[in-house]
Amino acid sequence: MKHSPWLVGNKDIILKDARTEVSRHVEQPARRAFLQRSLTLGGLSLLSGCSLVDENSVETALMAMSRFNDKAQAWLFDPNRLAPTYPDSMITRPFPFNAFYGEDEAPVVDEAGYQLEITGLVADRKKWSLAELRALPQTDQVTRHICVEGWSAIGKWGGVPFADFLRRIGADLSAKYVGFKCADDYYTSIDMPTALHPQTLLTLTYDSRPLPTKYGFPMKLRMPTKLGYKNPKHIQAIFVTNTYPGGYWEDQGYNWFGGS
């Protein structure tokens, strides 16, 4: 499993002690687990100037660390470097369900009435039906999904290259961000270089079949260069903006860039 470069340091004992100390001061279990995994030597240098005697100090240091990590990841990101691809024989079966709710709570979206909303810095704001999206040139990829919780799985995703779609709707490709709103109340955003990466895909199928509800019907964004929480499912709206949009987990302290 290939880790994003900020997730692992080379000073294991120091990192272990720092993670233990930070986790004592952060109450949210999910966020605590993430912060323990994402603590880096850069974060340690920030924490060293902090007394760690109150949660406000820890929160301030952690947010500064997160901003530092985002900048470092963006600087390291190569828009032309491809994530590994795999043969169909290596697909994980069954591919695991992953969300902040149970599988039986996944939203049911009406296929006939679905229309993708487009707003923001784009020339053409027409809404797109599923039939129109499926009529666009498609490609597929077999890539690895890497979850921040520490597991990974290989899946086969098919759909419209996102860069092609952005050009088709006349998106401002010099804008900073692309944001997503979803039927399960999830939301997230990515940087434009990631949006234009050749493997970033508006996914409409899984394993050569229409995308199942549990994997994000009617559409998810698949980015093998990002951690799993950056890949939104059940997408209802896409917008292009220069105003930082944040995200569901990012607004709770997760790194915004979330990839390599």
C-alpha atoms as a PDB file:
ATOM      1  CA  MET A   1       0.000   0.000   0.000  1.00  0.00           C
ATOM      2  CA  LYS A   2       1.396   3.356  -1.004  1.00  0.00           C
ATOM      3  CA  HIS A   3       1.028   6.021   1.674  1.00  0.00           C
ATOM      4  CA  SER A   4       0.728   9.751   1.041  1.00  0.00           C
ATOM      5  CA  PRO A   5       4.097  11.351   1.855  1.00  0.00           C
ATOM      6  CA  TRP A   6       2.984  13.255   4.917  1.00  0.00           C
ATOM      7  CA  LEU A   7       1.508  10.243   6.762  1.00  0.00           C
ATOM      8  CA  VAL A   8       4.686   8.537   7.930  1.00  0.00           C
ATOM      9  CA  GLY A   9       7.763  10.056   9.569  1.00  0.00           C
ATOM     10  CA  ASN A  10      11.076   8.357  10.246  1.00  0.00           C
ATOM     11  CA  LYS A  11      11.279   9.085  13.968  1.00  0.00           C
ATOM     12  CA  ASP A  12       8.946   6.375  15.226  1.00  0.00           C
ATOM     13  CA  ILE A  13       9.550   6.770  18.959  1.00  0.00           C
ATOM     14  CA  ILE A  14       9.157  10.560  18.921  1.00  0.00           C
ATOM     15  CA  LEU A  15       6.037  10.334  16.777  1.00  0.00           C
ATOM     16  CA  LYS A  16       4.498   7.716  19.055  1.00  0.00           C
ATOM     17  CA  ASP A  17       5.011   9.890  22.117  1.00  0.00           C
ATOM     18  CA  ALA A  18       3.617  12.966  20.359  1.00  0.00           C
ATOM     19  CA  ARG A  19       0.577  11.092  19.059  1.00  0.00           C
ATOM     20  CA  THR A  20      -0.172   9.815  22.550  1.00  0.00           C
ATOM     21  CA  GLU A  21       0.099  13.308  24.010  1.00  0.00           C
ATOM     22  CA  VAL A  22      -2.105  14.891  21.359  1.00  0.00           C
ATOM     23  CA  SER A  23      -4.770  12.195  21.603  1.00  0.00           C
ATOM     24  CA  ARG A  24      -5.201  12.931  25.325  1.00  0.00           C
ATOM     25  CA  HIS A  25      -6.344  16.443  24.436  1.00  0.00           C
ATOM     26  CA  VAL A  26      -8.630  15.766  21.454  1.00  0.00           C
ATOM     27  CA  GLU A  27     -12.085  14.470  22.342  1.00  0.00           C
ATOM     28  CA  GLN A  28     -13.655  13.434  19.010  1.00  0.00           C
ATOM     29  CA  PRO A  29     -12.774   9.724  18.441  1.00  0.00           C
ATOM     30  CA  ALA A  30     -12.761   9.803  14.622  1.00  0.00           C
ATOM     31  CA  ARG A  31     -10.758  12.992  14.496  1.00  0.00           C
ATOM     32  CA  ARG A  32      -8.360  11.739  17.159  1.00  0.00           C
ATOM     33  CA  ALA A  33      -7.610   8.622  15.098  1.00  0.00           C
ATOM     34  CA  PHE A  34      -6.988  10.696  11.998  1.00  0.00           C
ATOM     35  CA  LEU A  35      -4.751  13.183  13.789  1.00  0.00           C
ATOM     36  CA  GLN A  36      -2.690  10.385  15.296  1.00  0.00           C
ATOM     37  CA  ARG A  37      -2.041   9.028  11.812  1.00  0.00           C
ATOM     38  CA  SER A  38      -1.366  12.419  10.220  1.00  0.00           C
ATOM     39  CA  LEU A  39       1.047  13.816  12.805  1.00  0.00           C
ATOM     40  CA  THR A  40       4.381  14.590  11.148  1.00  0.00           C
ATOM     41  CA  LEU A  41       7.772  15.945  12.068  1.00  0.00           C
ATOM     42  CA  GLY A  42       6.544  19.283  10.718  1.00  0.00           C
ATOM     43  CA  GLY A  43       3.679  19.044  13.176  1.00  0.00           C
ATOM     44  CA  LEU A  44       6.073  18.175  15.979  1.00  0.00           C
ATOM     45  CA  SER A  45       8.028  21.365  15.392  1.00  0.00           C
ATOM     46  CA  LEU A  46       4.807  23.328  15.711  1.00  0.00           C
ATOM     47  CA  LEU A  47       3.789  21.452  18.844  1.00  0.00           C
ATOM     48  CA  SER A  48       7.164  22.067  20.442  1.00  0.00           C
ATOM     49  CA  GLY A  49       6.294  25.744  20.872  1.00  0.00           C
ATOM     50  CA  CYS A  50       3.040  24.848  22.595  1.00  0.00           C
ATOM     51  CA  SER A  51       2.687  23.836  26.245  1.00  0.00           C
ATOM     52  CA  LEU A  52       0.045  21.153  25.549  1.00  0.00           C
ATOM     53  CA  VAL A  53      -1.624  22.079  28.817  1.00  0.00           C
ATOM     54  CA  ASP A  54      -4.989  23.031  27.325  1.00  0.00           C
ATOM     55  CA  GLU A  55      -7.075  21.909  24.374  1.00  0.00           C
ATOM     56  CA  ASN A  56      -7.114  25.342  22.718  1.00  0.00           C
ATOM     57  CA  SER A  57      -3.333  25.245  22.374  1.00  0.00           C
ATOM     58  CA  VAL A  58      -3.491  21.765  20.887  1.00  0.00           C
ATOM     59  CA  GLU A  59      -6.271  22.731  18.485  1.00  0.00           C
ATOM     60  CA  THR A  60      -4.316  25.771  17.306  1.00  0.00           C
ATOM     61  CA  ALA A  61      -1.190  23.699  16.739  1.00  0.00           C
ATOM     62  CA  LEU A  62      -3.098  20.955  14.943  1.00  0.00           C
ATOM     63  CA  MET A  63      -4.778  23.409  12.582  1.00  0.00           C
ATOM     64  CA  ALA A  64      -1.424  25.018  11.823  1.00  0.00           C
ATOM     65  CA  MET A  65       0.027  21.558  11.196  1.00  0.00           C
ATOM     66  CA  SER A  66      -2.866  20.743   8.869  1.00  0.00           C
ATOM     67  CA  ARG A  67      -2.316  23.927   6.855  1.00  0.00           C
ATOM     68  CA  PHE A  68       1.389  23.123   6.635  1.00  0.00           C
ATOM     69  CA  ASN A  69       0.609  19.601   5.401  1.00  0.00           C
ATOM     70  CA  ASP A  70      -1.819  20.911   2.774  1.00  0.00           C
ATOM     71  CA  LYS A  71       0.782  23.310   1.381  1.00  0.00           C
ATOM     72  CA  ALA A  72       3.463  20.607   1.338  1.00  0.00           C
ATOM     73  CA  GLN A  73       1.204  18.111  -0.433  1.00  0.00           C
ATOM     74  CA  ALA A  74       0.125  20.691  -3.027  1.00  0.00           C
ATOM     75  CA  TRP A  75       3.763  21.557  -3.671  1.00  0.00           C
ATOM     76  CA  LEU A  76       4.676  17.872  -4.123  1.00  0.00           C
ATOM     77  CA  PHE A  77       1.692  17.050  -6.341  1.00  0.00           C
ATOM     78  CA  ASP A  78       2.636  16.200  -9.933  1.00  0.00           C
ATOM     79  CA  PRO A  79      -0.382  16.678 -12.241  1.00  0.00           C
ATOM     80  CA  ASN A  80       1.209  14.355 -14.805  1.00  0.00           C
ATOM     81  CA  ARG A  81       2.171  11.493 -12.502  1.00  0.00           C
ATOM     82  CA  LEU A  82      -0.214   8.537 -12.720  1.00  0.00           C
ATOM     83  CA  ALA A  83      -1.328   6.330  -9.865  1.00  0.00           C
ATOM     84  CA  PRO A  84      -0.686   2.589 -10.373  1.00  0.00           C
ATOM     85  CA  THR A  85      -3.266   0.589 -12.343  1.00  0.00           C
ATOM     86  CA  TYR A  86      -4.009  -3.125 -12.022  1.00  0.00           C
ATOM     87  CA  PRO A  87      -5.458  -6.053 -13.993  1.00  0.00           C
ATOM     88  CA  ASP A  88      -9.074  -7.089 -13.426  1.00  0.00           C
ATOM     89  CA  SER A  89      -7.798 -10.205 -11.670  1.00  0.00           C
ATOM     90  CA  MET A  90      -6.650  -8.028  -8.748  1.00  0.00           C
ATOM     91  CA  ILE A  91     -10.039  -6.376  -8.103  1.00  0.00           C
ATOM     92  CA  THR A  92     -11.087  -6.687  -4.460  1.00  0.00           C
ATOM     93  CA  ARG A  93     -14.302  -8.708  -4.259  1.00  0.00           C
ATOM     94  CA  PRO A  94     -16.493  -7.655  -2.692  1.00  0.00           C
ATOM     95  CA  PHE A  95     -15.303  -4.069  -2.757  1.00  0.00           C
ATOM     96  CA  PRO A  96     -15.976  -2.678   0.752  1.00  0.00           C
ATOM     97  CA  PHE A  97     -18.702  -0.189   1.527  1.00  0.00           C
ATOM     98  CA  ASN A  98     -17.362   2.979   3.157  1.00  0.00           C
ATOM     99  CA  ALA A  99     -19.276   5.996   4.468  1.00  0.00           C
ATOM    100  CA  PHE A 100     -20.069   7.896   7.659  1.00  0.00           C
ATOM    101  CA  TYR A 101     -23.354   5.961   7.902  1.00  0.00           C
ATOM    102  CA  GLY A 102     -24.527   2.370   7.503  1.00  0.00           C
ATOM    103  CA  GLU A 103     -24.992   0.732   4.111  1.00  0.00           C
ATOM    104  CA  ASP A 104     -28.775   0.600   4.578  1.00  0.00           C
ATOM    105  CA  GLU A 105     -28.765   4.390   5.026  1.00  0.00           C
ATOM    106  CA  ALA A 106     -27.249   5.154   1.620  1.00  0.00           C
ATOM    107  CA  PRO A 107     -29.478   7.631  -0.256  1.00  0.00           C
ATOM    108  CA  VAL A 108     -31.763   6.356  -3.010  1.00  0.00           C
ATOM    109  CA  VAL A 109     -31.594   8.777  -5.956  1.00  0.00           C
ATOM    110  CA  ASP A 110     -34.291   8.704  -8.651  1.00  0.00           C
ATOM    111  CA  GLU A 111     -32.567   7.895 -11.944  1.00  0.00           C
ATOM    112  CA  ALA A 112     -35.258   9.351 -14.208  1.00  0.00           C
ATOM    113  CA  GLY A 113     -35.418  12.658 -12.391  1.00  0.00           C
ATOM    114  CA  TYR A 114     -31.702  13.102 -11.744  1.00  0.00           C
ATOM    115  CA  GLN A 115     -30.095  16.315 -12.971  1.00  0.00           C
ATOM    116  CA  LEU A 116     -26.543  17.322 -12.179  1.00  0.00           C
ATOM    117  CA  GLU A 117     -26.413  20.990 -11.175  1.00  0.00           C
ATOM    118  CA  ILE A 118     -23.507  23.103 -12.474  1.00  0.00           C
ATOM    119  CA  THR A 119     -22.727  26.512 -10.948  1.00  0.00           C
ATOM    120  CA  GLY A 120     -19.887  28.922 -10.315  1.00  0.00           C
ATOM    121  CA  LEU A 121     -17.162  29.962 -12.721  1.00  0.00           C
ATOM    122  CA  VAL A 122     -18.426  28.090 -15.779  1.00  0.00           C
ATOM    123  CA  ALA A 123     -19.732  29.273 -19.162  1.00  0.00           C
ATOM    124  CA  ASP A 124     -22.515  26.663 -19.487  1.00  0.00           C
ATOM    125  CA  ARG A 125     -24.674  26.107 -16.420  1.00  0.00           C
ATOM    126  CA  LYS A 126     -27.141  23.704 -17.982  1.00  0.00           C
ATOM    127  CA  LYS A 127     -28.181  20.738 -15.873  1.00  0.00           C
ATOM    128  CA  TRP A 128     -27.148  17.273 -17.010  1.00  0.00           C
ATOM    129  CA  SER A 129     -29.322  14.168 -16.985  1.00  0.00           C
ATOM    130  CA  LEU A 130     -27.814  10.710 -16.514  1.00  0.00           C
ATOM    131  CA  ALA A 131     -28.594   9.871 -20.133  1.00  0.00           C
ATOM    132  CA  GLU A 132     -26.610  12.921 -21.289  1.00  0.00           C
ATOM    133  CA  LEU A 133     -23.674  12.057 -19.035  1.00  0.00           C
ATOM    134  CA  ARG A 134     -23.657   8.451 -20.249  1.00  0.00           C
ATOM    135  CA  ALA A 135     -23.598   9.656 -23.856  1.00  0.00           C
ATOM    136  CA  LEU A 136     -20.239  11.384 -23.330  1.00  0.00           C
ATOM    137  CA  PRO A 137     -16.974   9.569 -24.202  1.00  0.00           C
ATOM    138  CA  GLN A 138     -16.144   7.133 -21.403  1.00  0.00           C
ATOM    139  CA  THR A 139     -13.036   5.420 -20.065  1.00  0.00           C
ATOM    140  CA  ASP A 140     -12.327   3.060 -17.179  1.00  0.00           C
ATOM    141  CA  GLN A 141      -9.538   2.380 -14.726  1.00  0.00           C
ATOM    142  CA  VAL A 142      -8.631  -0.295 -12.194  1.00  0.00           C
ATOM    143  CA  THR A 143      -7.042   1.594  -9.319  1.00  0.00           C
ATOM    144  CA  ARG A 144      -6.522   1.349  -5.579  1.00  0.00           C
ATOM    145  CA  HIS A 145      -8.777   3.145  -3.106  1.00  0.00           C
ATOM    146  CA  ILE A 146      -6.779   4.084   0.012  1.00  0.00           C
ATOM    147  CA  CYS A 147      -8.735   4.872   3.173  1.00  0.00           C
ATOM    148  CA  VAL A 148      -7.378   7.137   5.890  1.00  0.00           C
ATOM    149  CA  GLU A 149      -8.380   4.419   8.376  1.00  0.00           C
ATOM    150  CA  GLY A 150      -5.527   2.262   7.070  1.00  0.00           C
ATOM    151  CA  TRP A 151      -7.116  -0.199   4.636  1.00  0.00           C
ATOM    152  CA  SER A 152      -7.135  -0.263   0.844  1.00  0.00           C
ATOM    153  CA  ALA A 153      -9.029  -2.022  -1.947  1.00  0.00           C
ATOM    154  CA  ILE A 154      -8.766  -2.244  -5.728  1.00  0.00           C
ATOM    155  CA  GLY A 155     -11.807  -1.469  -7.873  1.00  0.00           C
ATOM    156  CA  LYS A 156     -12.785  -0.940 -11.505  1.00  0.00           C
ATOM    157  CA  TRP A 157     -14.370   2.427 -12.200  1.00  0.00           C
ATOM    158  CA  GLY A 158     -15.763   3.783 -15.464  1.00  0.00           C
ATOM    159  CA  GLY A 159     -16.974   7.198 -16.519  1.00  0.00           C
ATOM    160  CA  VAL A 160     -16.148  10.591 -17.985  1.00  0.00           C
ATOM    161  CA  PRO A 161     -12.658  12.076 -17.565  1.00  0.00           C
ATOM    162  CA  PHE A 162     -13.334  15.054 -15.322  1.00  0.00           C
ATOM    163  CA  ALA A 163     -10.926  17.321 -17.215  1.00  0.00           C
ATOM    164  CA  ASP A 164     -12.913  16.699 -20.408  1.00  0.00           C
ATOM    165  CA  PHE A 165     -16.167  17.498 -18.630  1.00  0.00           C
ATOM    166  CA  LEU A 166     -14.799  20.724 -17.144  1.00  0.00           C
ATOM    167  CA  ARG A 167     -13.659  21.864 -20.580  1.00  0.00           C
ATOM    168  CA  ARG A 168     -17.017  20.901 -22.086  1.00  0.00           C
ATOM    169  CA  ILE A 169     -18.923  23.135 -19.661  1.00  0.00           C
ATOM    170  CA  GLY A 170     -16.464  25.994 -20.129  1.00  0.00           C
ATOM    171  CA  ALA A 171     -15.095  25.926 -16.586  1.00  0.00           C
ATOM    172  CA  ASP A 172     -12.522  28.546 -15.648  1.00  0.00           C
ATOM    173  CA  LEU A 173      -9.482  26.272 -15.487  1.00  0.00           C
ATOM    174  CA  SER A 174      -7.481  28.987 -13.728  1.00  0.00           C
ATOM    175  CA  ALA A 175      -9.912  28.910 -10.771  1.00  0.00           C
ATOM    176  CA  LYS A 176      -8.607  27.495  -7.494  1.00  0.00           C
ATOM    177  CA  TYR A 177     -11.268  25.004  -6.447  1.00  0.00           C
ATOM    178  CA  VAL A 178     -13.962  22.609  -7.600  1.00  0.00           C
ATOM    179  CA  GLY A 179     -16.615  21.744  -5.032  1.00  0.00           C
ATOM    180  CA  PHE A 180     -19.183  18.940  -4.746  1.00  0.00           C
ATOM    181  CA  LYS A 181     -22.533  18.609  -2.971  1.00  0.00           C
ATOM    182  CA  CYS A 182     -24.029  15.162  -2.507  1.00  0.00           C
ATOM    183  CA  ALA A 183     -27.373  13.483  -1.857  1.00  0.00           C
ATOM    184  CA  ASP A 184     -26.120  12.065   1.466  1.00  0.00           C
ATOM    185  CA  ASP A 185     -25.364  15.608   2.738  1.00  0.00           C
ATOM    186  CA  TYR A 186     -21.668  15.031   2.170  1.00  0.00           C
ATOM    187  CA  TYR A 187     -19.620  17.800   0.610  1.00  0.00           C
ATOM    188  CA  THR A 188     -15.987  18.283  -0.285  1.00  0.00           C
ATOM    189  CA  SER A 189     -13.706  20.225  -2.623  1.00  0.00           C
ATOM    190  CA  ILE A 190     -10.477  19.735  -4.554  1.00  0.00           C
ATOM    191  CA  ASP A 191      -7.820  21.892  -6.169  1.00  0.00           C
ATOM    192  CA  MET A 192      -7.975  22.538  -9.908  1.00  0.00           C
ATOM    193  CA  PRO A 193      -4.734  20.644 -10.738  1.00  0.00           C
ATOM    194  CA  THR A 194      -6.250  17.510  -9.166  1.00  0.00           C
ATOM    195  CA  ALA A 195      -9.513  18.118 -11.033  1.00  0.00           C
ATOM    196  CA  LEU A 196      -7.554  18.174 -14.305  1.00  0.00           C
ATOM    197  CA  HIS A 197      -5.462  15.090 -13.499  1.00  0.00           C
ATOM    198  CA  PRO A 198      -5.904  12.477 -16.273  1.00  0.00           C
ATOM    199  CA  GLN A 199      -7.121   9.821 -13.810  1.00  0.00           C
ATOM    200  CA  THR A 200      -9.757  11.981 -12.101  1.00  0.00           C
ATOM    201  CA  LEU A 201     -13.031  10.462 -13.253  1.00  0.00           C
ATOM    202  CA  LEU A 202     -16.744  11.286 -13.033  1.00  0.00           C
ATOM    203  CA  THR A 203     -17.646   7.688 -12.273  1.00  0.00           C
ATOM    204  CA  LEU A 204     -20.880   6.250 -13.654  1.00  0.00           C
ATOM    205  CA  THR A 205     -20.085   2.513 -13.533  1.00  0.00           C
ATOM    206  CA  TYR A 206     -18.429   0.012 -11.238  1.00  0.00           C
ATOM    207  CA  ASP A 207     -16.985  -3.218 -12.674  1.00  0.00           C
ATOM    208  CA  SER A 208     -18.569  -2.367 -16.066  1.00  0.00           C
ATOM    209  CA  ARG A 209     -22.092  -2.062 -14.607  1.00  0.00           C
ATOM    210  CA  PRO A 210     -24.151   0.969 -13.559  1.00  0.00           C
ATOM    211  CA  LEU A 211     -22.774   2.357 -10.322  1.00  0.00           C
ATOM    212  CA  PRO A 212     -24.558   0.632  -7.396  1.00  0.00           C
ATOM    213  CA  THR A 213     -26.166   2.709  -4.677  1.00  0.00           C
ATOM    214  CA  LYS A 214     -23.646   1.524  -2.085  1.00  0.00           C
ATOM    215  CA  TYR A 215     -20.771   2.822  -4.241  1.00  0.00           C
ATOM    216  CA  GLY A 216     -22.315   6.207  -4.964  1.00  0.00           C
ATOM    217  CA  PHE A 217     -25.146   6.065  -7.530  1.00  0.00           C
ATOM    218  CA  PRO A 218     -25.763   7.970  -9.682  1.00  0.00           C
ATOM    219  CA  MET A 219     -22.215   9.344  -9.786  1.00  0.00           C
ATOM    220  CA  LYS A 220     -19.083   9.645  -7.696  1.00  0.00           C
ATOM    221  CA  LEU A 221     -15.764  11.365  -8.286  1.00  0.00           C
ATOM    222  CA  ARG A 222     -12.943   8.855  -8.406  1.00  0.00           C
ATOM    223  CA  MET A 223      -9.421  10.146  -7.731  1.00  0.00           C
ATOM    224  CA  PRO A 224      -6.711   7.510  -7.201  1.00  0.00           C
ATOM    225  CA  THR A 225      -4.318  10.328  -6.246  1.00  0.00           C
ATOM    226  CA  LYS A 226      -6.442  11.167  -3.176  1.00  0.00           C
ATOM    227  CA  LEU A 227      -7.410   9.426   0.045  1.00  0.00           C
ATOM    228  CA  GLY A 228     -10.885   7.924   0.121  1.00  0.00           C
ATOM    229  CA  TYR A 229     -12.660  10.702   2.000  1.00  0.00           C
ATOM    230  CA  LYS A 230     -11.847  13.105  -0.850  1.00  0.00           C
ATOM    231  CA  ASN A 231     -13.859  10.953  -3.320  1.00  0.00           C
ATOM    232  CA  PRO A 232     -17.488  12.159  -3.008  1.00  0.00           C
ATOM    233  CA  LYS A 233     -20.410   9.854  -3.818  1.00  0.00           C
ATOM    234  CA  HIS A 234     -24.037  10.515  -4.854  1.00  0.00           C
ATOM    235  CA  ILE A 235     -22.997  13.816  -6.465  1.00  0.00           C
ATOM    236  CA  GLN A 236     -25.837  16.252  -7.106  1.00  0.00           C
ATOM    237  CA  ALA A 237     -23.986  19.521  -7.750  1.00  0.00           C
ATOM    238  CA  ILE A 238     -20.576  20.673  -8.970  1.00  0.00           C
ATOM    239  CA  PHE A 239     -19.301  24.231  -8.668  1.00  0.00           C
ATOM    240  CA  VAL A 240     -16.110  26.046  -9.642  1.00  0.00           C
ATOM    241  CA  THR A 241     -14.900  28.819  -7.362  1.00  0.00           C
ATOM    242  CA  ASN A 242     -11.990  30.854  -6.052  1.00  0.00           C
ATOM    243  CA  THR A 243     -13.473  30.846  -2.537  1.00  0.00           C
ATOM    244  CA  TYR A 244     -12.262  28.032  -0.288  1.00  0.00           C
ATOM    245  CA  PRO A 245     -15.224  25.613   0.081  1.00  0.00           C
ATOM    246  CA  GLY A 246     -13.925  23.259   2.794  1.00  0.00           C
ATOM    247  CA  GLY A 247     -15.480  19.824   3.205  1.00  0.00           C
ATOM    248  CA  TYR A 248     -17.417  17.550   5.570  1.00  0.00           C
ATOM    249  CA  TRP A 249     -14.353  15.981   7.208  1.00  0.00           C
ATOM    250  CA  GLU A 250     -11.996  18.820   6.368  1.00  0.00           C
ATOM    251  CA  ASP A 251     -14.106  21.229   8.433  1.00  0.00           C
ATOM    252  CA  GLN A 252     -13.597  18.831  11.370  1.00  0.00           C
ATOM    253  CA  GLY A 253      -9.813  18.927  11.122  1.00  0.00           C
ATOM    254  CA  TYR A 254      -8.871  16.499   8.356  1.00  0.00           C
ATOM    255  CA  ASN A 255      -6.224  17.636   5.876  1.00  0.00           C
ATOM    256  CA  TRP A 256      -7.882  19.384   2.947  1.00  0.00           C
ATOM    257  CA  PHE A 257      -5.467  18.289   0.200  1.00  0.00           C
ATOM    258  CA  GLY A 258      -5.685  14.645   1.251  1.00  0.00           C
ATOM    259  CA  GLY A 259      -3.369  13.088  -1.316  1.00  0.00           C
ATOM    260  CA  SER A 260       0.031  12.985  -2.985  1.00  0.00           C
END
